[in-house]
Amino acid sequence: MKGTFSTLNPKARIFDEIKIQQPKWWNLLSSDKELYIHIRKDNYINVYYFGGSFAKIEFNKNGFVAKTHQKYLGDATPRGKDKAGKDKFENDLIDLTELDKKMIASVKNRIKIDYLKHIEDEKPAEKWIQGRMINANHDFIDSEFQFNQDPDIENLRIDLIKFSDDVLSFVELKGITDNRLRNDDKRNANVPEIIEQMEKYKRFIIKYEADIRDYYQRLLEIKMNLGLISTKKVFFELKMKPRLIIVDTYQKTTKGREKRIFEIKKLLDFHDIDYYITK
């Protein structure tokens, strides 16, 4: 079944063909310091530029197939309307035989213009923060982990997966301005969403510990075989408690902001959440 732990196969044709052919486009993408490559459950590859999807790469009977948003290839003309009446855009094929550094730079620039907003102010896109962290720390071996196979767990998407010192851990990422970190007692006195979110992730890790270990052993094997990571170990300790990283993007300090940070810390401490706040 698609999207399950079991579908990831280190022997899948796509991974074998990359190793055998060593295509020029693969060397360009994998050596680019601003791009990062993640392996997905159904044996395809996502390439990202600071959280923006640079390409989805699959393998079929015709060979490698890569797609990206039409805007990133220079076509900003809507292709009709969606059900809500909004402009509809699609993914287009990337001609991998024509991929070069100039084309890569062009796609990056369009992603930056169209997708990455407010990167210089106090409310940058969370995906921008995520991409910056991945590029700065290669211990983050995966991102946007999705799981929707268990109605008791419900759908989840975990921002980052870290592999360091033979320990694998799941990490949720939030910007300091995120409203889900704290509720307004006057308007909404319920438990803030972040507490429920972290508890759900913890239940998921405990319930699927064996599946997670097996899945990430296979994923690490694939990344090693493709030269995406240098580690030689695929056996690890799984951290049973997810971690929350809060990125403080405030550019100036005020009493109101100090109070907000204090209240967030108090809330997280009360609920025994593993967290830290960083710039």
C-alpha atoms as a PDB file:
ATOM      1  CA  MET A   1       0.000   0.000   0.000  1.00  0.00           C
ATOM      2  CA  LYS A   2       1.340   3.434  -0.926  1.00  0.00           C
ATOM      3  CA  GLY A   3       2.530   5.676   1.852  1.00  0.00           C
ATOM      4  CA  THR A   4       3.253   2.869   4.316  1.00  0.00           C
ATOM      5  CA  PHE A   5       6.515   2.012   6.031  1.00  0.00           C
ATOM      6  CA  SER A   6       6.935  -1.182   4.008  1.00  0.00           C
ATOM      7  CA  THR A   7       7.043   0.405   0.538  1.00  0.00           C
ATOM      8  CA  LEU A   8      10.539   1.876   0.912  1.00  0.00           C
ATOM      9  CA  ASN A   9      12.941  -0.479  -0.869  1.00  0.00           C
ATOM     10  CA  PRO A  10      16.734   0.032  -0.946  1.00  0.00           C
ATOM     11  CA  LYS A  11      16.779  -2.211  -4.039  1.00  0.00           C
ATOM     12  CA  ALA A  12      14.247  -0.096  -5.953  1.00  0.00           C
ATOM     13  CA  ARG A  13      15.199   0.547  -9.586  1.00  0.00           C
ATOM     14  CA  ILE A  14      15.505   4.311  -9.147  1.00  0.00           C
ATOM     15  CA  PHE A  15      18.291   3.970  -6.588  1.00  0.00           C
ATOM     16  CA  ASP A  16      20.109   1.244  -8.515  1.00  0.00           C
ATOM     17  CA  GLU A  17      20.024   3.241 -11.754  1.00  0.00           C
ATOM     18  CA  ILE A  18      21.432   6.357 -10.098  1.00  0.00           C
ATOM     19  CA  LYS A  19      24.357   4.302  -8.796  1.00  0.00           C
ATOM     20  CA  ILE A  20      24.908   2.562 -12.140  1.00  0.00           C
ATOM     21  CA  GLN A  21      24.460   5.549 -14.458  1.00  0.00           C
ATOM     22  CA  GLN A  22      25.849   8.322 -12.237  1.00  0.00           C
ATOM     23  CA  PRO A  23      23.927  10.842 -14.369  1.00  0.00           C
ATOM     24  CA  LYS A  24      25.276  14.358 -14.741  1.00  0.00           C
ATOM     25  CA  TRP A  25      22.060  15.893 -13.374  1.00  0.00           C
ATOM     26  CA  TRP A  26      22.343  13.801 -10.197  1.00  0.00           C
ATOM     27  CA  ASN A  27      25.882  14.983  -9.552  1.00  0.00           C
ATOM     28  CA  LEU A  28      24.792  18.585 -10.095  1.00  0.00           C
ATOM     29  CA  LEU A  29      21.872  18.308  -7.668  1.00  0.00           C
ATOM     30  CA  SER A  30      23.634  16.292  -4.987  1.00  0.00           C
ATOM     31  CA  SER A  31      26.688  18.559  -4.944  1.00  0.00           C
ATOM     32  CA  ASP A  32      24.734  21.819  -4.743  1.00  0.00           C
ATOM     33  CA  LYS A  33      25.167  23.219  -1.213  1.00  0.00           C
ATOM     34  CA  GLU A  34      21.804  25.026  -1.240  1.00  0.00           C
ATOM     35  CA  LEU A  35      19.760  21.991  -2.275  1.00  0.00           C
ATOM     36  CA  TYR A  36      18.958  18.996  -0.110  1.00  0.00           C
ATOM     37  CA  ILE A  37      17.646  15.603  -1.149  1.00  0.00           C
ATOM     38  CA  HIS A  38      15.182  13.429   0.711  1.00  0.00           C
ATOM     39  CA  ILE A  39      14.053   9.869   0.046  1.00  0.00           C
ATOM     40  CA  ARG A  40      10.336   9.128   0.192  1.00  0.00           C
ATOM     41  CA  LYS A  41       8.351   6.023   1.201  1.00  0.00           C
ATOM     42  CA  ASP A  42       7.155   5.114  -2.291  1.00  0.00           C
ATOM     43  CA  ASN A  43      10.694   5.107  -3.715  1.00  0.00           C
ATOM     44  CA  TYR A  44      10.899   8.549  -5.209  1.00  0.00           C
ATOM     45  CA  ILE A  45      13.140  11.507  -4.478  1.00  0.00           C
ATOM     46  CA  ASN A  46      12.335  15.064  -3.426  1.00  0.00           C
ATOM     47  CA  VAL A  47      14.843  17.840  -3.993  1.00  0.00           C
ATOM     48  CA  TYR A  48      14.311  21.022  -1.955  1.00  0.00           C
ATOM     49  CA  TYR A  49      15.556  24.577  -1.989  1.00  0.00           C
ATOM     50  CA  PHE A  50      14.998  26.059   1.484  1.00  0.00           C
ATOM     51  CA  GLY A  51      11.689  24.229   1.844  1.00  0.00           C
ATOM     52  CA  GLY A  52      10.525  24.911  -1.699  1.00  0.00           C
ATOM     53  CA  SER A  53      10.100  21.812  -3.841  1.00  0.00           C
ATOM     54  CA  PHE A  54      12.783  22.027  -6.529  1.00  0.00           C
ATOM     55  CA  ALA A  55      11.893  18.665  -8.073  1.00  0.00           C
ATOM     56  CA  LYS A  56      10.168  15.351  -7.577  1.00  0.00           C
ATOM     57  CA  ILE A  57      12.113  12.576  -9.299  1.00  0.00           C
ATOM     58  CA  GLU A  58      10.682   9.133 -10.125  1.00  0.00           C
ATOM     59  CA  PHE A  59      11.694   6.219 -12.324  1.00  0.00           C
ATOM     60  CA  ASN A  60       9.424   4.418 -14.790  1.00  0.00           C
ATOM     61  CA  LYS A  61       9.744   2.338 -17.976  1.00  0.00           C
ATOM     62  CA  ASN A  62      10.962   5.427 -19.833  1.00  0.00           C
ATOM     63  CA  GLY A  63      13.666   6.228 -17.286  1.00  0.00           C
ATOM     64  CA  PHE A  64      14.018   9.099 -14.851  1.00  0.00           C
ATOM     65  CA  VAL A  65      11.123  11.562 -14.678  1.00  0.00           C
ATOM     66  CA  ALA A  66      11.425  14.905 -12.871  1.00  0.00           C
ATOM     67  CA  LYS A  67       8.692  17.470 -12.280  1.00  0.00           C
ATOM     68  CA  THR A  68       8.374  20.849 -10.623  1.00  0.00           C
ATOM     69  CA  HIS A  69       5.829  23.643 -10.331  1.00  0.00           C
ATOM     70  CA  GLN A  70       5.205  25.276 -13.698  1.00  0.00           C
ATOM     71  CA  LYS A  71       6.045  28.704 -12.258  1.00  0.00           C
ATOM     72  CA  TYR A  72       9.522  27.520 -11.340  1.00  0.00           C
ATOM     73  CA  LEU A  73      10.121  26.805 -15.029  1.00  0.00           C
ATOM     74  CA  GLY A  74       8.960  30.274 -16.031  1.00  0.00           C
ATOM     75  CA  ASP A  75       5.288  29.631 -16.875  1.00  0.00           C
ATOM     76  CA  ALA A  76       3.090  31.823 -14.655  1.00  0.00           C
ATOM     77  CA  THR A  77      -0.059  31.484 -16.784  1.00  0.00           C
ATOM     78  CA  PRO A  78      -2.917  29.789 -14.834  1.00  0.00           C
ATOM     79  CA  ARG A  79      -4.329  26.617 -16.347  1.00  0.00           C
ATOM     80  CA  GLY A  80      -7.945  27.150 -15.563  1.00  0.00           C
ATOM     81  CA  LYS A  81      -9.675  27.434 -12.206  1.00  0.00           C
ATOM     82  CA  ASP A  82      -9.949  25.037  -9.280  1.00  0.00           C
ATOM     83  CA  LYS A  83     -13.200  24.140  -7.487  1.00  0.00           C
ATOM     84  CA  ALA A  84     -12.903  27.215  -5.294  1.00  0.00           C
ATOM     85  CA  GLY A  85     -12.538  29.441  -8.337  1.00  0.00           C
ATOM     86  CA  LYS A  86      -8.863  30.168  -7.760  1.00  0.00           C
ATOM     87  CA  ASP A  87      -6.208  30.052 -10.462  1.00  0.00           C
ATOM     88  CA  LYS A  88      -4.970  26.511 -11.045  1.00  0.00           C
ATOM     89  CA  PHE A  89      -1.328  25.672 -11.633  1.00  0.00           C
ATOM     90  CA  GLU A  90       0.280  22.329 -12.421  1.00  0.00           C
ATOM     91  CA  ASN A  91       3.626  20.552 -12.339  1.00  0.00           C
ATOM     92  CA  ASP A  92       5.682  20.372 -15.513  1.00  0.00           C
ATOM     93  CA  LEU A  93       8.451  18.062 -16.642  1.00  0.00           C
ATOM     94  CA  ILE A  94      12.072  19.062 -16.189  1.00  0.00           C
ATOM     95  CA  ASP A  95      14.300  17.968 -19.038  1.00  0.00           C
ATOM     96  CA  LEU A  96      17.082  16.378 -17.012  1.00  0.00           C
ATOM     97  CA  THR A  97      19.329  16.151 -20.062  1.00  0.00           C
ATOM     98  CA  GLU A  98      19.348  19.960 -20.201  1.00  0.00           C
ATOM     99  CA  LEU A  99      19.843  20.546 -16.492  1.00  0.00           C
ATOM    100  CA  ASP A 100      22.910  22.665 -15.809  1.00  0.00           C
ATOM    101  CA  LYS A 101      24.042  25.187 -13.202  1.00  0.00           C
ATOM    102  CA  LYS A 102      22.349  28.044 -15.041  1.00  0.00           C
ATOM    103  CA  MET A 103      18.994  26.264 -15.079  1.00  0.00           C
ATOM    104  CA  ILE A 104      19.359  25.296 -11.410  1.00  0.00           C
ATOM    105  CA  ALA A 105      20.025  28.934 -10.492  1.00  0.00           C
ATOM    106  CA  SER A 106      16.991  30.022 -12.509  1.00  0.00           C
ATOM    107  CA  VAL A 107      14.655  27.574 -10.758  1.00  0.00           C
ATOM    108  CA  LYS A 108      16.049  28.585  -7.363  1.00  0.00           C
ATOM    109  CA  ASN A 109      15.415  32.238  -8.121  1.00  0.00           C
ATOM    110  CA  ARG A 110      11.794  31.603  -9.125  1.00  0.00           C
ATOM    111  CA  ILE A 111      11.221  29.573  -5.954  1.00  0.00           C
ATOM    112  CA  LYS A 112      12.613  32.450  -3.936  1.00  0.00           C
ATOM    113  CA  ILE A 113      10.320  34.980  -5.653  1.00  0.00           C
ATOM    114  CA  ASP A 114       7.143  32.900  -5.681  1.00  0.00           C
ATOM    115  CA  TYR A 115       7.368  30.667  -2.604  1.00  0.00           C
ATOM    116  CA  LEU A 116       9.744  32.088  -0.030  1.00  0.00           C
ATOM    117  CA  LYS A 117       8.229  35.194   1.506  1.00  0.00           C
ATOM    118  CA  HIS A 118       9.278  37.504   4.348  1.00  0.00           C
ATOM    119  CA  ILE A 119      12.677  35.874   4.780  1.00  0.00           C
ATOM    120  CA  GLU A 120      14.195  39.157   5.895  1.00  0.00           C
ATOM    121  CA  ASP A 121      11.532  40.139   8.445  1.00  0.00           C
ATOM    122  CA  GLU A 122      10.288  38.761  11.773  1.00  0.00           C
ATOM    123  CA  LYS A 123       7.809  36.299  10.278  1.00  0.00           C
ATOM    124  CA  PRO A 124       9.696  34.245   7.693  1.00  0.00           C
ATOM    125  CA  ALA A 125       8.035  31.154   6.245  1.00  0.00           C
ATOM    126  CA  GLU A 126       8.548  28.126   8.476  1.00  0.00           C
ATOM    127  CA  LYS A 127       9.774  26.194   5.436  1.00  0.00           C
ATOM    128  CA  TRP A 128      12.527  28.775   4.947  1.00  0.00           C
ATOM    129  CA  ILE A 129      13.629  28.300   8.558  1.00  0.00           C
ATOM    130  CA  GLN A 130      13.476  24.539   8.085  1.00  0.00           C
ATOM    131  CA  GLY A 131      15.605  24.613   4.943  1.00  0.00           C
ATOM    132  CA  ARG A 132      18.151  26.905   6.554  1.00  0.00           C
ATOM    133  CA  MET A 133      18.502  24.493   9.482  1.00  0.00           C
ATOM    134  CA  ILE A 134      18.890  21.449   7.214  1.00  0.00           C
ATOM    135  CA  ASN A 135      21.557  23.139   5.115  1.00  0.00           C
ATOM    136  CA  ALA A 136      23.427  24.236   8.237  1.00  0.00           C
ATOM    137  CA  ASN A 137      23.271  20.847   9.955  1.00  0.00           C
ATOM    138  CA  HIS A 138      23.513  17.627   7.960  1.00  0.00           C
ATOM    139  CA  ASP A 139      22.332  15.639  10.983  1.00  0.00           C
ATOM    140  CA  PHE A 140      18.821  16.425   9.745  1.00  0.00           C
ATOM    141  CA  ILE A 141      18.436  13.455   7.404  1.00  0.00           C
ATOM    142  CA  ASP A 142      14.730  13.818   6.596  1.00  0.00           C
ATOM    143  CA  SER A 143      11.883  16.323   6.704  1.00  0.00           C
ATOM    144  CA  GLU A 144       8.112  16.485   6.313  1.00  0.00           C
ATOM    145  CA  PHE A 145       7.594  12.912   7.501  1.00  0.00           C
ATOM    146  CA  GLN A 146       3.948  12.016   6.896  1.00  0.00           C
ATOM    147  CA  PHE A 147       1.833   9.288   8.428  1.00  0.00           C
ATOM    148  CA  ASN A 148      -1.901   8.838   7.876  1.00  0.00           C
ATOM    149  CA  GLN A 149      -2.481   5.112   8.290  1.00  0.00           C
ATOM    150  CA  ASP A 150      -3.914   5.037  11.815  1.00  0.00           C
ATOM    151  CA  PRO A 151      -7.248   6.708  12.735  1.00  0.00           C
ATOM    152  CA  ASP A 152      -6.260   6.614  16.414  1.00  0.00           C
ATOM    153  CA  ILE A 153      -3.145   8.678  15.669  1.00  0.00           C
ATOM    154  CA  GLU A 154      -4.792  10.735  12.897  1.00  0.00           C
ATOM    155  CA  ASN A 155      -2.773  12.435  10.182  1.00  0.00           C
ATOM    156  CA  LEU A 156       0.586  13.827  11.159  1.00  0.00           C
ATOM    157  CA  ARG A 157       3.456  15.566   9.433  1.00  0.00           C
ATOM    158  CA  ILE A 158       6.653  15.902  11.444  1.00  0.00           C
ATOM    159  CA  ASP A 159       8.999  18.676  10.359  1.00  0.00           C
ATOM    160  CA  LEU A 160      12.466  17.209  10.889  1.00  0.00           C
ATOM    161  CA  ILE A 161      14.199  13.926  11.647  1.00  0.00           C
ATOM    162  CA  LYS A 162      17.657  14.107  13.158  1.00  0.00           C
ATOM    163  CA  PHE A 163      20.316  11.399  13.255  1.00  0.00           C
ATOM    164  CA  SER A 164      23.226  12.271  15.530  1.00  0.00           C
ATOM    165  CA  ASP A 165      25.536  10.184  17.733  1.00  0.00           C
ATOM    166  CA  ASP A 166      23.609   7.049  16.713  1.00  0.00           C
ATOM    167  CA  VAL A 167      20.343   8.526  18.022  1.00  0.00           C
ATOM    168  CA  LEU A 168      17.321   9.141  15.797  1.00  0.00           C
ATOM    169  CA  SER A 169      14.863  11.796  16.962  1.00  0.00           C
ATOM    170  CA  PHE A 170      11.743  13.497  15.640  1.00  0.00           C
ATOM    171  CA  VAL A 171      11.689  17.293  15.760  1.00  0.00           C
ATOM    172  CA  GLU A 172       8.813  19.740  15.463  1.00  0.00           C
ATOM    173  CA  LEU A 173       9.733  23.250  14.325  1.00  0.00           C
ATOM    174  CA  LYS A 174       7.916  26.473  15.163  1.00  0.00           C
ATOM    175  CA  GLY A 175       8.627  30.148  14.750  1.00  0.00           C
ATOM    176  CA  ILE A 176       8.278  32.241  17.895  1.00  0.00           C
ATOM    177  CA  THR A 177       5.322  34.153  16.396  1.00  0.00           C
ATOM    178  CA  ASP A 178       3.304  30.975  15.742  1.00  0.00           C
ATOM    179  CA  ASN A 179      -0.130  31.303  17.361  1.00  0.00           C
ATOM    180  CA  ARG A 180      -0.223  27.567  18.100  1.00  0.00           C
ATOM    181  CA  LEU A 181       2.393  28.000  20.825  1.00  0.00           C
ATOM    182  CA  ARG A 182       0.032  29.797  23.158  1.00  0.00           C
ATOM    183  CA  ASN A 183      -3.678  30.424  23.509  1.00  0.00           C
ATOM    184  CA  ASP A 184      -5.347  33.617  24.583  1.00  0.00           C
ATOM    185  CA  ASP A 185      -7.093  32.837  27.895  1.00  0.00           C
ATOM    186  CA  LYS A 186      -9.840  35.354  27.167  1.00  0.00           C
ATOM    187  CA  ARG A 187     -10.711  34.031  23.716  1.00  0.00           C
ATOM    188  CA  ASN A 188      -9.585  30.406  23.831  1.00  0.00           C
ATOM    189  CA  ALA A 189      -8.671  28.757  27.120  1.00  0.00           C
ATOM    190  CA  ASN A 190      -8.198  25.272  25.665  1.00  0.00           C
ATOM    191  CA  VAL A 191      -4.855  23.486  25.684  1.00  0.00           C
ATOM    192  CA  PRO A 192      -2.723  25.094  22.950  1.00  0.00           C
ATOM    193  CA  GLU A 193      -2.390  23.099  19.747  1.00  0.00           C
ATOM    194  CA  ILE A 194       1.345  22.565  20.211  1.00  0.00           C
ATOM    195  CA  ILE A 195       0.750  20.493  23.373  1.00  0.00           C
ATOM    196  CA  GLU A 196      -1.712  18.212  21.607  1.00  0.00           C
ATOM    197  CA  GLN A 197       0.628  17.998  18.627  1.00  0.00           C
ATOM    198  CA  MET A 198       3.639  16.911  20.678  1.00  0.00           C
ATOM    199  CA  GLU A 199       1.585  14.367  22.603  1.00  0.00           C
ATOM    200  CA  LYS A 200       0.329  12.875  19.331  1.00  0.00           C
ATOM    201  CA  TYR A 201       3.882  12.570  18.023  1.00  0.00           C
ATOM    202  CA  LYS A 202       4.905  10.828  21.240  1.00  0.00           C
ATOM    203  CA  ARG A 203       2.042   8.322  20.926  1.00  0.00           C
ATOM    204  CA  PHE A 204       3.051   7.655  17.334  1.00  0.00           C
ATOM    205  CA  ILE A 205       6.705   6.972  18.220  1.00  0.00           C
ATOM    206  CA  ILE A 206       5.788   4.625  21.077  1.00  0.00           C
ATOM    207  CA  LYS A 207       3.189   2.718  19.069  1.00  0.00           C
ATOM    208  CA  TYR A 208       5.288   2.343  15.906  1.00  0.00           C
ATOM    209  CA  GLU A 209       8.762   2.063  17.418  1.00  0.00           C
ATOM    210  CA  ALA A 210       9.675  -1.144  15.552  1.00  0.00           C
ATOM    211  CA  ASP A 211       8.351   0.145  12.209  1.00  0.00           C
ATOM    212  CA  ILE A 212      10.190   3.446  12.603  1.00  0.00           C
ATOM    213  CA  ARG A 213      13.480   1.706  13.377  1.00  0.00           C
ATOM    214  CA  ASP A 214      13.156  -0.600  10.386  1.00  0.00           C
ATOM    215  CA  TYR A 215      12.089   2.196   8.035  1.00  0.00           C
ATOM    216  CA  TYR A 216      14.923   4.542   8.947  1.00  0.00           C
ATOM    217  CA  GLN A 217      17.497   1.755   8.769  1.00  0.00           C
ATOM    218  CA  ARG A 218      16.428   1.295   5.139  1.00  0.00           C
ATOM    219  CA  LEU A 219      16.394   5.036   4.486  1.00  0.00           C
ATOM    220  CA  LEU A 220      19.896   5.444   5.922  1.00  0.00           C
ATOM    221  CA  GLU A 221      21.084   2.549   3.786  1.00  0.00           C
ATOM    222  CA  ILE A 222      19.739   4.254   0.653  1.00  0.00           C
ATOM    223  CA  LYS A 223      21.294   7.611   1.524  1.00  0.00           C
ATOM    224  CA  MET A 224      24.633   5.938   2.212  1.00  0.00           C
ATOM    225  CA  ASN A 225      24.539   4.043  -1.079  1.00  0.00           C
ATOM    226  CA  LEU A 226      23.786   7.248  -2.970  1.00  0.00           C
ATOM    227  CA  GLY A 227      26.564   9.147  -1.226  1.00  0.00           C
ATOM    228  CA  LEU A 228      24.167  11.551   0.466  1.00  0.00           C
ATOM    229  CA  ILE A 229      25.477  10.816   3.961  1.00  0.00           C
ATOM    230  CA  SER A 230      28.840   9.559   5.166  1.00  0.00           C
ATOM    231  CA  THR A 231      27.790   7.535   8.207  1.00  0.00           C
ATOM    232  CA  LYS A 232      28.427   3.803   8.056  1.00  0.00           C
ATOM    233  CA  LYS A 233      25.984   2.898  10.827  1.00  0.00           C
ATOM    234  CA  VAL A 234      22.360   2.026  10.283  1.00  0.00           C
ATOM    235  CA  PHE A 235      21.578   0.772  13.783  1.00  0.00           C
ATOM    236  CA  PHE A 236      20.576   3.405  16.272  1.00  0.00           C
ATOM    237  CA  GLU A 237      18.740   4.358  19.413  1.00  0.00           C
ATOM    238  CA  LEU A 238      15.296   5.851  18.844  1.00  0.00           C
ATOM    239  CA  LYS A 239      14.439   8.776  21.079  1.00  0.00           C
ATOM    240  CA  MET A 240      10.935   8.100  22.346  1.00  0.00           C
ATOM    241  CA  LYS A 241      10.120  11.722  23.113  1.00  0.00           C
ATOM    242  CA  PRO A 242       9.846  14.243  20.272  1.00  0.00           C
ATOM    243  CA  ARG A 243      11.684  17.546  20.538  1.00  0.00           C
ATOM    244  CA  LEU A 244      10.302  21.015  19.856  1.00  0.00           C
ATOM    245  CA  ILE A 245      12.610  23.656  18.409  1.00  0.00           C
ATOM    246  CA  ILE A 246      11.346  27.230  18.569  1.00  0.00           C
ATOM    247  CA  VAL A 247      13.168  29.776  16.421  1.00  0.00           C
ATOM    248  CA  ASP A 248      13.167  33.280  17.895  1.00  0.00           C
ATOM    249  CA  THR A 249      12.914  35.567  14.864  1.00  0.00           C
ATOM    250  CA  TYR A 250      12.234  38.740  16.839  1.00  0.00           C
ATOM    251  CA  GLN A 251      14.553  41.505  15.698  1.00  0.00           C
ATOM    252  CA  LYS A 252      13.960  43.688  18.724  1.00  0.00           C
ATOM    253  CA  THR A 253      12.956  43.053  22.321  1.00  0.00           C
ATOM    254  CA  THR A 254       9.853  44.488  23.989  1.00  0.00           C
ATOM    255  CA  LYS A 255       8.171  43.794  27.307  1.00  0.00           C
ATOM    256  CA  GLY A 256       5.256  42.183  25.497  1.00  0.00           C
ATOM    257  CA  ARG A 257       7.563  39.829  23.645  1.00  0.00           C
ATOM    258  CA  GLU A 258       9.496  38.954  26.777  1.00  0.00           C
ATOM    259  CA  LYS A 259       6.198  38.122  28.455  1.00  0.00           C
ATOM    260  CA  ARG A 260       5.126  35.948  25.519  1.00  0.00           C
ATOM    261  CA  ILE A 261       8.380  33.955  25.598  1.00  0.00           C
ATOM    262  CA  PHE A 262       8.123  33.556  29.375  1.00  0.00           C
ATOM    263  CA  GLU A 263       4.556  32.236  29.098  1.00  0.00           C
ATOM    264  CA  ILE A 264       5.492  29.823  26.304  1.00  0.00           C
ATOM    265  CA  LYS A 265       8.352  28.420  28.398  1.00  0.00           C
ATOM    266  CA  LYS A 266       6.083  28.114  31.437  1.00  0.00           C
ATOM    267  CA  LEU A 267       3.467  26.231  29.410  1.00  0.00           C
ATOM    268  CA  LEU A 268       5.989  23.839  27.850  1.00  0.00           C
ATOM    269  CA  ASP A 269       7.669  23.166  31.191  1.00  0.00           C
ATOM    270  CA  PHE A 270       4.309  22.459  32.814  1.00  0.00           C
ATOM    271  CA  HIS A 271       3.472  19.874  30.142  1.00  0.00           C
ATOM    272  CA  ASP A 272       6.980  18.351  30.254  1.00  0.00           C
ATOM    273  CA  ILE A 273       7.745  19.118  26.612  1.00  0.00           C
ATOM    274  CA  ASP A 274      11.329  18.618  25.438  1.00  0.00           C
ATOM    275  CA  TYR A 275      12.160  21.927  23.778  1.00  0.00           C
ATOM    276  CA  TYR A 276      14.704  24.649  23.237  1.00  0.00           C
ATOM    277  CA  ILE A 277      14.569  28.154  21.803  1.00  0.00           C
ATOM    278  CA  THR A 278      17.202  29.315  19.361  1.00  0.00           C
ATOM    279  CA  LYS A 279      17.899  32.306  17.126  1.00  0.00           C
END
